[in-house]
Amino acid sequence: MEPDYDLLCAQLRALLSGEPNFIANAANCAAFIYHEVPGLNWAGFYFAQADGELVLGPFAGRPACTRLPSGRGVCGAAFTSGTTVVIDDVSTYSDHIVCDSASASEIVIPLLFGGERRGVFDIDSPTLARFSAGDRVGLEALMGTFVETIG
């Protein structure tokens, strides 16, 4: 059963409202999603560097890969295309970068600030095909709320 994403967006907006610090808001956003969306083993940010590399930002879950090469992996694909990428079975994705061997499925949402790509929000699950079309829409809405609230 999918969570009530409208409610989660309202709660995230309230959580971040009035706090001007980007890192604090990103940390609370990652922790909020990790704890409120069921069936996850990792949720967090990767931020773009000038050379196109993605560098780990605030997250919740086990320690992760610190740097992802430009254009590589599911995160690189989402960042490069500027569109959300959903992988039902990461073992079938030839360019998957393994940070946690427990991850079975993944969704990565690009972070767009005024149309400019600034990074991605990466979510992993130990369950195959964890992310439905409804989850995609809801998680994209949560990232839209994050960008809108801190933007």
N, C-alpha and C. Protein backbone atom coordinates (compact mmCIF):
# COMPACT_ATOMS: atom_id res chain seq x y z
N MET A 1 0.85 -1.19 0.00
CA MET A 1 0.00 0.00 0.00
C MET A 1 0.88 1.24 0.00
N GLU A 2 0.56 2.15 -0.91
CA GLU A 2 1.33 3.39 -1.01
C GLU A 2 0.96 4.34 0.13
N PRO A 3 1.93 5.08 0.59
CA PRO A 3 1.62 6.10 1.61
C PRO A 3 0.78 7.22 1.02
N ASP A 4 0.21 8.03 1.86
CA ASP A 4 -0.55 9.20 1.44
C ASP A 4 0.44 10.31 1.12
N TYR A 5 0.82 10.39 -0.15
CA TYR A 5 1.86 11.34 -0.54
C TYR A 5 1.43 12.79 -0.39
N ASP A 6 0.14 13.07 -0.55
CA ASP A 6 -0.33 14.45 -0.31
C ASP A 6 -0.07 14.85 1.13
N LEU A 7 -0.39 13.95 2.05
CA LEU A 7 -0.13 14.22 3.47
C LEU A 7 1.37 14.35 3.72
N LEU A 8 2.17 13.46 3.14
CA LEU A 8 3.63 13.54 3.33
C LEU A 8 4.19 14.85 2.80
N CYS A 9 3.68 15.32 1.67
CA CYS A 9 4.15 16.62 1.14
C CYS A 9 3.82 17.75 2.10
N ALA A 10 2.63 17.74 2.67
CA ALA A 10 2.24 18.77 3.64
C ALA A 10 3.13 18.69 4.89
N GLN A 11 3.39 17.48 5.35
CA GLN A 11 4.25 17.31 6.53
C GLN A 11 5.68 17.76 6.24
N LEU A 12 6.19 17.42 5.05
CA LEU A 12 7.56 17.84 4.70
C LEU A 12 7.64 19.36 4.59
N ARG A 13 6.64 19.97 3.99
CA ARG A 13 6.61 21.44 3.89
C ARG A 13 6.65 22.07 5.28
N ALA A 14 5.88 21.53 6.21
CA ALA A 14 5.87 22.06 7.58
C ALA A 14 7.21 21.83 8.27
N LEU A 15 7.80 20.66 8.05
CA LEU A 15 9.09 20.35 8.67
C LEU A 15 10.19 21.31 8.22
N LEU A 16 10.19 21.67 6.95
CA LEU A 16 11.26 22.50 6.40
C LEU A 16 10.98 24.00 6.48
N SER A 17 9.74 24.35 6.70
CA SER A 17 9.32 25.75 6.70
C SER A 17 10.09 26.57 7.74
N GLY A 18 10.60 27.69 7.29
CA GLY A 18 11.25 28.63 8.20
C GLY A 18 12.72 28.35 8.47
N GLU A 19 13.24 27.21 8.02
CA GLU A 19 14.67 26.91 8.22
C GLU A 19 15.44 27.28 6.95
N PRO A 20 16.36 28.24 7.04
CA PRO A 20 17.07 28.68 5.84
C PRO A 20 18.29 27.82 5.46
N ASN A 21 18.72 26.93 6.35
CA ASN A 21 19.96 26.18 6.07
C ASN A 21 19.69 25.00 5.14
N PHE A 22 20.33 25.00 3.99
CA PHE A 22 20.12 23.98 2.97
C PHE A 22 20.49 22.58 3.48
N ILE A 23 21.64 22.44 4.12
CA ILE A 23 22.09 21.13 4.60
C ILE A 23 21.14 20.58 5.66
N ALA A 24 20.71 21.42 6.58
CA ALA A 24 19.76 20.98 7.61
C ALA A 24 18.46 20.49 6.97
N ASN A 25 17.97 21.23 5.98
CA ASN A 25 16.74 20.84 5.31
C ASN A 25 16.91 19.55 4.50
N ALA A 26 18.04 19.41 3.82
CA ALA A 26 18.30 18.18 3.06
C ALA A 26 18.39 16.98 4.01
N ALA A 27 19.03 17.15 5.15
CA ALA A 27 19.16 16.07 6.12
C ALA A 27 17.79 15.67 6.66
N ASN A 28 16.97 16.64 7.02
CA ASN A 28 15.63 16.32 7.53
C ASN A 28 14.76 15.70 6.45
N CYS A 29 14.90 16.16 5.22
CA CYS A 29 14.12 15.59 4.11
C CYS A 29 14.48 14.12 3.91
N ALA A 30 15.76 13.81 3.86
CA ALA A 30 16.19 12.42 3.66
C ALA A 30 15.70 11.53 4.80
N ALA A 31 15.86 11.98 6.04
CA ALA A 31 15.42 11.20 7.18
C ALA A 31 13.91 11.02 7.18
N PHE A 32 13.19 12.07 6.84
CA PHE A 32 11.73 12.01 6.80
C PHE A 32 11.26 10.96 5.80
N ILE A 33 11.78 11.01 4.58
CA ILE A 33 11.37 10.06 3.55
C ILE A 33 11.76 8.63 3.95
N TYR A 34 12.95 8.47 4.46
CA TYR A 34 13.43 7.15 4.89
C TYR A 34 12.49 6.51 5.92
N HIS A 35 12.00 7.32 6.84
CA HIS A 35 11.16 6.79 7.91
C HIS A 35 9.67 6.75 7.58
N GLU A 36 9.22 7.57 6.65
CA GLU A 36 7.78 7.64 6.37
C GLU A 36 7.33 6.83 5.17
N VAL A 37 8.25 6.51 4.26
CA VAL A 37 7.91 5.67 3.11
C VAL A 37 8.36 4.25 3.45
N PRO A 38 7.45 3.31 3.51
CA PRO A 38 7.82 1.96 3.94
C PRO A 38 8.67 1.21 2.91
N GLY A 39 9.46 0.27 3.43
CA GLY A 39 10.20 -0.64 2.57
C GLY A 39 11.47 -0.11 1.97
N LEU A 40 12.10 0.86 2.63
CA LEU A 40 13.35 1.44 2.10
C LEU A 40 14.55 0.98 2.93
N ASN A 41 15.70 0.91 2.29
CA ASN A 41 16.93 0.69 3.05
C ASN A 41 17.93 1.83 2.85
N TRP A 42 17.58 2.82 2.01
CA TRP A 42 18.47 3.98 1.84
C TRP A 42 17.68 5.09 1.15
N ALA A 43 17.93 6.33 1.57
CA ALA A 43 17.32 7.50 0.94
C ALA A 43 18.26 8.68 1.14
N GLY A 44 18.67 9.30 0.06
CA GLY A 44 19.56 10.44 0.23
C GLY A 44 19.91 11.17 -1.04
N PHE A 45 20.67 12.22 -0.84
CA PHE A 45 21.04 13.14 -1.90
C PHE A 45 22.44 12.87 -2.44
N TYR A 46 22.60 13.12 -3.72
CA TYR A 46 23.90 13.26 -4.36
C TYR A 46 23.86 14.60 -5.09
N PHE A 47 24.88 15.42 -4.88
CA PHE A 47 24.93 16.74 -5.48
C PHE A 47 25.98 16.82 -6.57
N ALA A 48 25.63 17.52 -7.65
CA ALA A 48 26.51 17.65 -8.82
C ALA A 48 27.69 18.57 -8.53
N GLN A 49 28.82 18.16 -9.04
CA GLN A 49 30.05 18.96 -8.99
C GLN A 49 30.29 19.54 -10.38
N ALA A 50 31.21 20.49 -10.48
CA ALA A 50 31.48 21.16 -11.75
C ALA A 50 31.90 20.17 -12.84
N ASP A 51 32.58 19.10 -12.46
CA ASP A 51 33.06 18.11 -13.44
C ASP A 51 32.00 17.05 -13.79
N GLY A 52 30.79 17.20 -13.25
CA GLY A 52 29.72 16.25 -13.53
C GLY A 52 29.64 15.09 -12.56
N GLU A 53 30.65 14.96 -11.72
CA GLU A 53 30.63 13.91 -10.71
C GLU A 53 29.52 14.22 -9.70
N LEU A 54 28.94 13.17 -9.12
CA LEU A 54 27.94 13.34 -8.07
C LEU A 54 28.58 12.98 -6.73
N VAL A 55 28.41 13.86 -5.74
CA VAL A 55 29.01 13.66 -4.43
C VAL A 55 27.91 13.51 -3.39
N LEU A 56 28.11 12.55 -2.50
CA LEU A 56 27.16 12.22 -1.45
C LEU A 56 26.80 13.44 -0.61
N GLY A 57 25.51 13.58 -0.35
CA GLY A 57 24.99 14.60 0.54
C GLY A 57 24.28 13.93 1.71
N PRO A 58 23.42 14.65 2.41
CA PRO A 58 22.69 14.07 3.54
C PRO A 58 21.86 12.85 3.11
N PHE A 59 21.85 11.84 3.98
CA PHE A 59 21.13 10.61 3.68
C PHE A 59 20.73 9.91 4.96
N ALA A 60 19.90 8.87 4.80
CA ALA A 60 19.54 7.98 5.90
C ALA A 60 19.73 6.55 5.39
N GLY A 61 20.37 5.73 6.20
CA GLY A 61 20.65 4.36 5.81
C GLY A 61 22.10 4.03 6.07
N ARG A 62 22.55 2.90 5.51
CA ARG A 62 23.93 2.47 5.68
C ARG A 62 24.89 3.40 4.93
N PRO A 63 26.17 3.43 5.33
CA PRO A 63 27.14 4.25 4.59
C PRO A 63 27.08 3.95 3.10
N ALA A 64 27.37 4.97 2.30
CA ALA A 64 27.18 4.86 0.85
C ALA A 64 28.43 5.27 0.09
N CYS A 65 28.39 5.04 -1.21
CA CYS A 65 29.46 5.49 -2.10
C CYS A 65 29.55 7.01 -1.98
N THR A 66 30.74 7.52 -1.81
CA THR A 66 30.92 8.96 -1.63
C THR A 66 30.86 9.72 -2.94
N ARG A 67 31.47 9.17 -3.99
CA ARG A 67 31.50 9.83 -5.29
C ARG A 67 31.05 8.87 -6.37
N LEU A 68 30.20 9.39 -7.26
CA LEU A 68 29.73 8.61 -8.41
C LEU A 68 30.26 9.29 -9.67
N PRO A 69 30.94 8.55 -10.53
CA PRO A 69 31.50 9.14 -11.74
C PRO A 69 30.42 9.76 -12.63
N SER A 70 30.78 10.79 -13.35
CA SER A 70 29.86 11.50 -14.23
C SER A 70 29.15 10.54 -15.18
N GLY A 71 27.80 10.59 -15.16
CA GLY A 71 26.99 9.82 -16.09
C GLY A 71 26.88 8.35 -15.79
N ARG A 72 27.44 7.87 -14.71
CA ARG A 72 27.46 6.43 -14.42
C ARG A 72 26.37 6.05 -13.43
N GLY A 73 25.93 4.79 -13.54
CA GLY A 73 24.96 4.24 -12.61
C GLY A 73 23.56 4.81 -12.81
N VAL A 74 22.66 4.38 -11.96
CA VAL A 74 21.28 4.85 -12.03
C VAL A 74 21.22 6.35 -11.71
N CYS A 75 22.01 6.78 -10.74
CA CYS A 75 22.04 8.21 -10.40
C CYS A 75 22.53 9.05 -11.56
N GLY A 76 23.58 8.59 -12.21
CA GLY A 76 24.12 9.32 -13.36
C GLY A 76 23.13 9.38 -14.51
N ALA A 77 22.39 8.29 -14.72
CA ALA A 77 21.38 8.26 -15.78
C ALA A 77 20.26 9.27 -15.50
N ALA A 78 19.79 9.32 -14.26
CA ALA A 78 18.73 10.27 -13.90
C ALA A 78 19.23 11.70 -14.00
N PHE A 79 20.45 11.93 -13.54
CA PHE A 79 21.00 13.29 -13.59
C PHE A 79 21.19 13.74 -15.03
N THR A 80 21.78 12.88 -15.85
CA THR A 80 22.07 13.24 -17.25
C THR A 80 20.79 13.48 -18.04
N SER A 81 19.79 12.62 -17.84
CA SER A 81 18.54 12.75 -18.60
C SER A 81 17.61 13.82 -18.04
N GLY A 82 17.76 14.14 -16.76
CA GLY A 82 16.86 15.09 -16.11
C GLY A 82 15.49 14.50 -15.86
N THR A 83 15.38 13.16 -15.91
CA THR A 83 14.11 12.49 -15.65
C THR A 83 14.30 11.37 -14.63
N THR A 84 13.23 11.05 -13.95
CA THR A 84 13.25 9.99 -12.94
C THR A 84 13.53 8.65 -13.59
N VAL A 85 14.37 7.85 -12.93
CA VAL A 85 14.68 6.50 -13.40
C VAL A 85 14.26 5.52 -12.31
N VAL A 86 13.48 4.51 -12.71
CA VAL A 86 13.04 3.46 -11.80
C VAL A 86 13.62 2.14 -12.31
N ILE A 87 14.28 1.43 -11.41
CA ILE A 87 14.85 0.12 -11.73
C ILE A 87 14.21 -0.90 -10.81
N ASP A 88 13.46 -1.84 -11.38
CA ASP A 88 12.76 -2.85 -10.59
C ASP A 88 13.71 -3.89 -10.01
N ASP A 89 14.79 -4.19 -10.72
CA ASP A 89 15.76 -5.19 -10.28
C ASP A 89 17.15 -4.68 -10.64
N VAL A 90 17.86 -4.15 -9.66
CA VAL A 90 19.16 -3.54 -9.93
C VAL A 90 20.18 -4.54 -10.48
N SER A 91 19.97 -5.82 -10.23
CA SER A 91 20.92 -6.82 -10.75
C SER A 91 20.85 -6.94 -12.27
N THR A 92 19.78 -6.42 -12.88
CA THR A 92 19.65 -6.47 -14.33
C THR A 92 20.11 -5.18 -15.01
N TYR A 93 20.48 -4.19 -14.21
CA TYR A 93 20.93 -2.90 -14.77
C TYR A 93 22.44 -2.97 -14.92
N SER A 94 22.91 -3.01 -16.15
CA SER A 94 24.33 -3.29 -16.41
C SER A 94 25.29 -2.26 -15.80
N ASP A 95 24.84 -1.04 -15.62
CA ASP A 95 25.72 0.00 -15.09
C ASP A 95 25.41 0.34 -13.63
N HIS A 96 24.77 -0.57 -12.93
CA HIS A 96 24.44 -0.32 -11.52
C HIS A 96 25.70 -0.25 -10.67
N ILE A 97 25.78 0.76 -9.83
CA ILE A 97 26.89 0.92 -8.89
C ILE A 97 26.40 0.42 -7.53
N VAL A 98 27.01 -0.64 -7.03
CA VAL A 98 26.57 -1.24 -5.78
C VAL A 98 27.20 -0.51 -4.59
N CYS A 99 26.36 0.12 -3.80
CA CYS A 99 26.82 0.72 -2.54
C CYS A 99 26.39 -0.17 -1.37
N ASP A 100 25.21 -0.77 -1.48
CA ASP A 100 24.69 -1.66 -0.45
C ASP A 100 24.16 -2.91 -1.15
N SER A 101 24.76 -4.03 -0.89
CA SER A 101 24.37 -5.26 -1.58
C SER A 101 22.95 -5.69 -1.24
N ALA A 102 22.34 -5.13 -0.21
CA ALA A 102 20.96 -5.46 0.15
C ALA A 102 19.94 -4.79 -0.78
N SER A 103 20.36 -3.79 -1.53
CA SER A 103 19.42 -3.07 -2.41
C SER A 103 19.02 -3.95 -3.59
N ALA A 104 17.70 -4.02 -3.83
CA ALA A 104 17.18 -4.82 -4.94
C ALA A 104 16.50 -3.96 -6.01
N SER A 105 15.92 -2.83 -5.60
CA SER A 105 15.28 -1.93 -6.56
C SER A 105 15.64 -0.50 -6.17
N GLU A 106 15.44 0.42 -7.13
CA GLU A 106 15.92 1.79 -6.93
C GLU A 106 15.08 2.76 -7.74
N ILE A 107 14.91 3.94 -7.18
CA ILE A 107 14.32 5.06 -7.91
C ILE A 107 15.22 6.27 -7.66
N VAL A 108 15.51 7.01 -8.73
CA VAL A 108 16.35 8.20 -8.61
C VAL A 108 15.63 9.36 -9.29
N ILE A 109 15.48 10.45 -8.53
CA ILE A 109 14.75 11.63 -8.99
C ILE A 109 15.73 12.79 -9.13
N PRO A 110 15.81 13.40 -10.32
CA PRO A 110 16.71 14.55 -10.46
C PRO A 110 16.21 15.75 -9.67
N LEU A 111 17.15 16.54 -9.16
CA LEU A 111 16.81 17.78 -8.44
C LEU A 111 16.95 18.93 -9.42
N LEU A 112 15.84 19.58 -9.70
CA LEU A 112 15.83 20.68 -10.65
C LEU A 112 15.49 21.97 -9.91
N PHE A 113 16.42 22.89 -9.94
CA PHE A 113 16.22 24.21 -9.33
C PHE A 113 16.14 25.21 -10.46
N GLY A 114 14.94 25.75 -10.70
CA GLY A 114 14.76 26.68 -11.81
C GLY A 114 15.14 26.06 -13.14
N GLY A 115 14.86 24.78 -13.31
CA GLY A 115 15.18 24.08 -14.55
C GLY A 115 16.61 23.59 -14.64
N GLU A 116 17.45 23.99 -13.69
CA GLU A 116 18.86 23.58 -13.70
C GLU A 116 19.05 22.35 -12.83
N ARG A 117 19.73 21.33 -13.39
CA ARG A 117 20.00 20.11 -12.63
C ARG A 117 21.10 20.36 -11.62
N ARG A 118 20.80 20.05 -10.35
CA ARG A 118 21.77 20.27 -9.26
C ARG A 118 22.19 18.99 -8.56
N GLY A 119 21.50 17.89 -8.85
CA GLY A 119 21.82 16.63 -8.19
C GLY A 119 20.67 15.66 -8.35
N VAL A 120 20.65 14.66 -7.47
CA VAL A 120 19.59 13.66 -7.49
C VAL A 120 19.22 13.26 -6.08
N PHE A 121 18.01 12.71 -5.95
CA PHE A 121 17.60 12.06 -4.71
C PHE A 121 17.45 10.59 -5.04
N ASP A 122 18.20 9.77 -4.35
CA ASP A 122 18.30 8.34 -4.62
C ASP A 122 17.61 7.57 -3.49
N ILE A 123 16.77 6.60 -3.88
CA ILE A 123 16.06 5.78 -2.90
C ILE A 123 16.22 4.32 -3.29
N ASP A 124 16.64 3.51 -2.34
CA ASP A 124 16.84 2.07 -2.55
C ASP A 124 15.89 1.28 -1.66
N SER A 125 15.56 0.07 -2.14
CA SER A 125 14.74 -0.85 -1.36
C SER A 125 15.32 -2.25 -1.47
N PRO A 126 15.20 -3.04 -0.39
CA PRO A 126 15.63 -4.43 -0.46
C PRO A 126 14.59 -5.32 -1.15
N THR A 127 13.46 -4.74 -1.60
CA THR A 127 12.37 -5.47 -2.24
C THR A 127 12.41 -5.24 -3.75
N LEU A 128 12.34 -6.31 -4.52
CA LEU A 128 12.27 -6.18 -5.98
C LEU A 128 11.01 -5.42 -6.37
N ALA A 129 11.11 -4.59 -7.40
CA ALA A 129 9.96 -3.84 -7.95
C ALA A 129 9.18 -3.11 -6.87
N ARG A 130 9.88 -2.50 -5.92
CA ARG A 130 9.25 -1.80 -4.80
C ARG A 130 8.49 -0.55 -5.23
N PHE A 131 8.93 0.12 -6.30
CA PHE A 131 8.41 1.45 -6.61
C PHE A 131 7.39 1.40 -7.75
N SER A 132 6.13 1.66 -7.40
CA SER A 132 5.03 1.67 -8.36
C SER A 132 4.98 3.01 -9.10
N ALA A 133 4.08 3.09 -10.08
CA ALA A 133 3.87 4.36 -10.78
C ALA A 133 3.37 5.42 -9.79
N GLY A 134 2.53 5.01 -8.84
CA GLY A 134 2.05 5.95 -7.81
C GLY A 134 3.16 6.43 -6.90
N ASP A 135 4.08 5.52 -6.56
CA ASP A 135 5.24 5.94 -5.76
C ASP A 135 6.08 6.95 -6.54
N ARG A 136 6.27 6.70 -7.81
CA ARG A 136 7.05 7.63 -8.64
C ARG A 136 6.45 9.04 -8.59
N VAL A 137 5.16 9.12 -8.83
CA VAL A 137 4.48 10.42 -8.80
C VAL A 137 4.60 11.05 -7.41
N GLY A 138 4.37 10.26 -6.37
CA GLY A 138 4.43 10.78 -5.01
C GLY A 138 5.82 11.22 -4.60
N LEU A 139 6.83 10.43 -4.95
CA LEU A 139 8.21 10.79 -4.59
C LEU A 139 8.69 12.00 -5.39
N GLU A 140 8.26 12.10 -6.65
CA GLU A 140 8.58 13.31 -7.42
C GLU A 140 7.93 14.53 -6.78
N ALA A 141 6.70 14.36 -6.27
CA ALA A 141 6.02 15.47 -5.58
C ALA A 141 6.77 15.86 -4.31
N LEU A 142 7.28 14.87 -3.57
CA LEU A 142 8.06 15.18 -2.36
C LEU A 142 9.33 15.97 -2.73
N MET A 143 9.99 15.59 -3.81
CA MET A 143 11.18 16.35 -4.22
C MET A 143 10.80 17.74 -4.71
N GLY A 144 9.65 17.86 -5.36
CA GLY A 144 9.15 19.17 -5.74
C GLY A 144 8.88 20.04 -4.52
N THR A 145 8.33 19.44 -3.48
CA THR A 145 8.09 20.15 -2.23
C THR A 145 9.40 20.60 -1.61
N PHE A 146 10.39 19.71 -1.60
CA PHE A 146 11.71 20.06 -1.06
C PHE A 146 12.29 21.25 -1.81
N VAL A 147 12.31 21.20 -3.12
CA VAL A 147 12.89 22.27 -3.93
C VAL A 147 12.12 23.57 -3.73
N GLU A 148 10.80 23.49 -3.73
CA GLU A 148 9.94 24.66 -3.56
C GLU A 148 10.15 25.29 -2.16
N THR A 149 10.24 24.47 -1.15
CA THR A 149 10.33 24.98 0.21
C THR A 149 11.68 25.62 0.48
N ILE A 150 12.75 25.04 -0.06
CA ILE A 150 14.07 25.59 0.24
C ILE A 150 14.57 26.53 -0.84
N GLY A 151 13.90 26.49 -2.02
CA GLY A 151 14.34 27.26 -3.19
C GLY A 151 14.32 28.71 -3.00
